[in-house]
Amino acid sequence: MTTRTSMSATHPEMYETLRQLHRRSEAAGLDPFLMELLKIRCSQINHCAFCIDMHTKDARALGETEQRIYALNAWRETPFFTDRERAALALAESVTVLTDGFVPDEVYDAAAAVFEPAELSAVVWATIVINAFNRLAVTGRTTPGSYVSQRKPLDRATA
């Protein structure tokens, strides 16, 4: 495999702007467990091995269960996810895969029914940010495996 240009090295100011968006989306008030599930699922869709590695490690470090992480790519077929998580995952998938050129009304409406407007916006922003990171990592063929999570375990009830 040939070495590819590092987008973060060639345009560090743009990369830092994306990192700032990431920090702001993290601070937007969504459940951190849900945030990691969204990041993993979008990364699966985008075939981003680096981000899958990173966010599964972060999810585990927070205290997410192996069962839910393993079942995430088939979340519709399992009882392991809440209605809010299902709505967020469906919306994130629709924003990630714009095959029809739009997010279906039924997907958006289902998410709007379980999230306050600011939360709904946070789901969309988190999806946009991870998709941008996925595209950078996939384009640069960033190698997975070296990431070490700095996350600390959280109590799901208080997250």
Protein backbone atom coordinates (compact mmCIF):
# COMPACT_ATOMS: atom_id res chain seq x y z
CA MET A 1 0.00 0.00 0.00
CA THR A 2 1.32 3.44 -0.85
CA THR A 3 1.67 6.20 1.71
CA ARG A 4 -1.02 8.82 1.33
CA THR A 5 -1.05 12.51 2.13
CA SER A 6 -1.99 13.33 5.71
CA MET A 7 -4.89 15.78 5.52
CA SER A 8 -4.33 16.83 9.13
CA ALA A 9 -0.65 17.57 8.47
CA THR A 10 -1.14 19.45 5.20
CA HIS A 11 -4.02 21.59 6.47
CA PRO A 12 -3.81 21.57 10.27
CA GLU A 13 -6.10 24.59 10.62
CA MET A 14 -8.92 22.76 8.82
CA TYR A 15 -8.35 19.64 10.88
CA GLU A 16 -8.40 21.70 14.08
CA THR A 17 -11.70 23.27 13.00
CA LEU A 18 -13.17 19.78 12.57
CA ARG A 19 -11.82 18.81 16.01
CA GLN A 20 -13.52 21.89 17.47
CA LEU A 21 -16.80 20.82 15.86
CA HIS A 22 -16.28 17.39 17.39
CA ARG A 23 -15.73 18.86 20.87
CA ARG A 24 -18.83 21.02 20.50
CA SER A 25 -20.95 18.09 19.36
CA GLU A 26 -19.68 16.09 22.35
CA ALA A 27 -20.73 18.94 24.64
CA ALA A 28 -24.19 19.29 23.09
CA GLY A 29 -25.81 17.24 25.83
CA LEU A 30 -26.43 13.84 24.24
CA ASP A 31 -25.91 10.69 26.25
CA PRO A 32 -22.22 9.72 25.78
CA PHE A 33 -23.21 6.07 25.23
CA LEU A 34 -25.52 7.13 22.38
CA MET A 35 -22.78 9.34 20.92
CA GLU A 36 -20.40 6.39 20.71
CA LEU A 37 -23.08 4.15 19.20
CA LEU A 38 -23.70 6.76 16.51
CA LYS A 39 -19.99 7.07 15.78
CA ILE A 40 -19.55 3.31 15.54
CA ARG A 41 -22.58 2.84 13.30
CA CYS A 42 -21.63 5.63 10.88
CA SER A 43 -18.08 4.30 10.78
CA GLN A 44 -19.38 0.81 9.97
CA ILE A 45 -21.43 2.19 7.08
CA ASN A 46 -18.43 4.16 5.81
CA HIS A 47 -16.07 1.17 6.21
CA CYS A 48 -13.76 3.26 8.37
CA ALA A 49 -11.66 0.69 10.23
CA PHE A 50 -9.71 3.32 12.15
CA CYS A 51 -12.85 4.98 13.54
CA ILE A 52 -14.55 1.64 14.27
CA ASP A 53 -11.48 0.65 16.29
CA MET A 54 -11.40 4.01 18.10
CA HIS A 55 -15.07 4.27 18.98
CA THR A 56 -15.56 0.65 20.01
CA LYS A 57 -12.64 1.15 22.41
CA ASP A 58 -14.18 4.39 23.70
CA ALA A 59 -17.59 2.75 24.08
CA ARG A 60 -16.10 -0.16 26.03
CA ALA A 61 -14.13 2.24 28.24
CA LEU A 62 -17.35 4.12 29.06
CA GLY A 63 -19.00 0.85 30.05
CA GLU A 64 -20.96 -0.05 26.92
CA THR A 65 -21.70 -3.77 26.67
CA GLU A 66 -19.98 -6.05 24.21
CA GLN A 67 -23.38 -7.43 23.22
CA ARG A 68 -24.68 -4.05 22.07
CA ILE A 69 -21.43 -3.18 20.28
CA TYR A 70 -21.42 -6.51 18.42
CA ALA A 71 -25.10 -6.22 17.50
CA LEU A 72 -24.92 -2.61 16.35
CA ASN A 73 -24.71 -3.39 12.65
CA ALA A 74 -27.99 -5.34 13.02
CA TRP A 75 -29.66 -3.05 15.59
CA ARG A 76 -33.09 -3.33 13.95
CA GLU A 77 -33.07 -7.09 14.56
CA THR A 78 -32.28 -6.99 18.28
CA PRO A 79 -34.06 -5.97 21.49
CA PHE A 80 -30.90 -4.35 22.89
CA PHE A 81 -31.58 -0.71 21.97
CA THR A 82 -34.05 1.83 23.35
CA ASP A 83 -36.59 3.73 21.25
CA ARG A 84 -34.42 6.85 21.45
CA GLU A 85 -31.34 4.93 20.35
CA ARG A 86 -33.27 3.34 17.48
CA ALA A 87 -34.55 6.72 16.32
CA ALA A 88 -31.07 8.24 16.51
CA LEU A 89 -29.47 5.31 14.69
CA ALA A 90 -32.07 5.46 11.93
CA LEU A 91 -31.54 9.20 11.52
CA ALA A 92 -27.75 8.84 11.54
CA GLU A 93 -27.95 6.12 8.91
CA SER A 94 -30.19 8.29 6.73
CA VAL A 95 -27.87 11.29 7.04
CA THR A 96 -24.85 9.07 6.29
CA VAL A 97 -26.32 7.31 3.25
CA LEU A 98 -28.03 9.93 1.12
CA THR A 99 -28.76 7.49 -1.70
CA ASP A 100 -32.13 9.06 -2.42
CA GLY A 101 -30.81 12.56 -1.87
CA PHE A 102 -32.81 13.26 1.28
CA VAL A 103 -33.58 12.09 4.80
CA PRO A 104 -37.03 10.43 4.70
CA ASP A 105 -39.77 12.28 6.57
CA GLU A 106 -40.74 9.18 8.56
CA VAL A 107 -37.17 8.78 9.85
CA TYR A 108 -36.87 12.45 10.78
CA ASP A 109 -40.35 12.52 12.36
CA ALA A 110 -39.62 9.41 14.44
CA ALA A 111 -36.48 11.07 15.82
CA ALA A 112 -38.29 14.36 16.39
CA ALA A 113 -40.91 12.49 18.40
CA VAL A 114 -38.37 11.27 20.99
CA PHE A 115 -35.79 14.07 21.03
CA GLU A 116 -36.09 17.71 21.97
CA PRO A 117 -35.07 20.04 19.10
CA ALA A 118 -31.61 20.70 20.56
CA GLU A 119 -31.02 16.96 21.04
CA LEU A 120 -32.20 16.22 17.52
CA SER A 121 -29.82 18.83 16.18
CA ALA A 122 -27.01 17.30 18.27
CA VAL A 123 -27.67 13.88 16.68
CA VAL A 124 -27.40 15.41 13.22
CA TRP A 125 -24.25 17.40 14.07
CA ALA A 126 -22.60 14.34 15.65
CA THR A 127 -23.42 12.38 12.49
CA ILE A 128 -21.99 15.08 10.23
CA VAL A 129 -18.78 15.30 12.25
CA ILE A 130 -18.11 11.54 12.38
CA ASN A 131 -18.86 11.27 8.66
CA ALA A 132 -16.24 13.96 8.00
CA PHE A 133 -13.67 12.15 10.15
CA ASN A 134 -14.56 8.84 8.43
CA ARG A 135 -13.94 10.37 5.03
CA LEU A 136 -10.55 11.72 6.10
CA ALA A 137 -9.46 8.41 7.62
CA VAL A 138 -10.71 6.31 4.69
CA THR A 139 -9.11 8.62 2.13
CA GLY A 140 -5.80 8.60 4.01
CA ARG A 141 -6.04 4.87 4.78
CA THR A 142 -5.40 5.58 8.45
CA THR A 143 -4.23 2.34 10.07
CA PRO A 144 -6.37 1.06 12.96
CA GLY A 145 -5.08 -0.58 16.10
CA SER A 146 -2.88 1.95 17.87
CA TYR A 147 -5.61 4.06 19.51
CA VAL A 148 -5.80 3.88 23.31
CA SER A 149 -8.97 5.26 24.88
CA GLN A 150 -8.71 7.92 27.57
CA ARG A 151 -12.41 7.58 28.47
CA LYS A 152 -13.45 6.75 32.01
CA PRO A 153 -16.35 4.45 32.92
CA LEU A 154 -19.71 6.17 33.36
CA ASP A 155 -22.84 5.16 35.19
CA ARG A 156 -25.43 4.75 32.43
CA ALA A 157 -28.18 6.02 34.75
CA THR A 158 -26.47 9.37 35.26
CA ALA A 159 -24.92 9.79 31.79
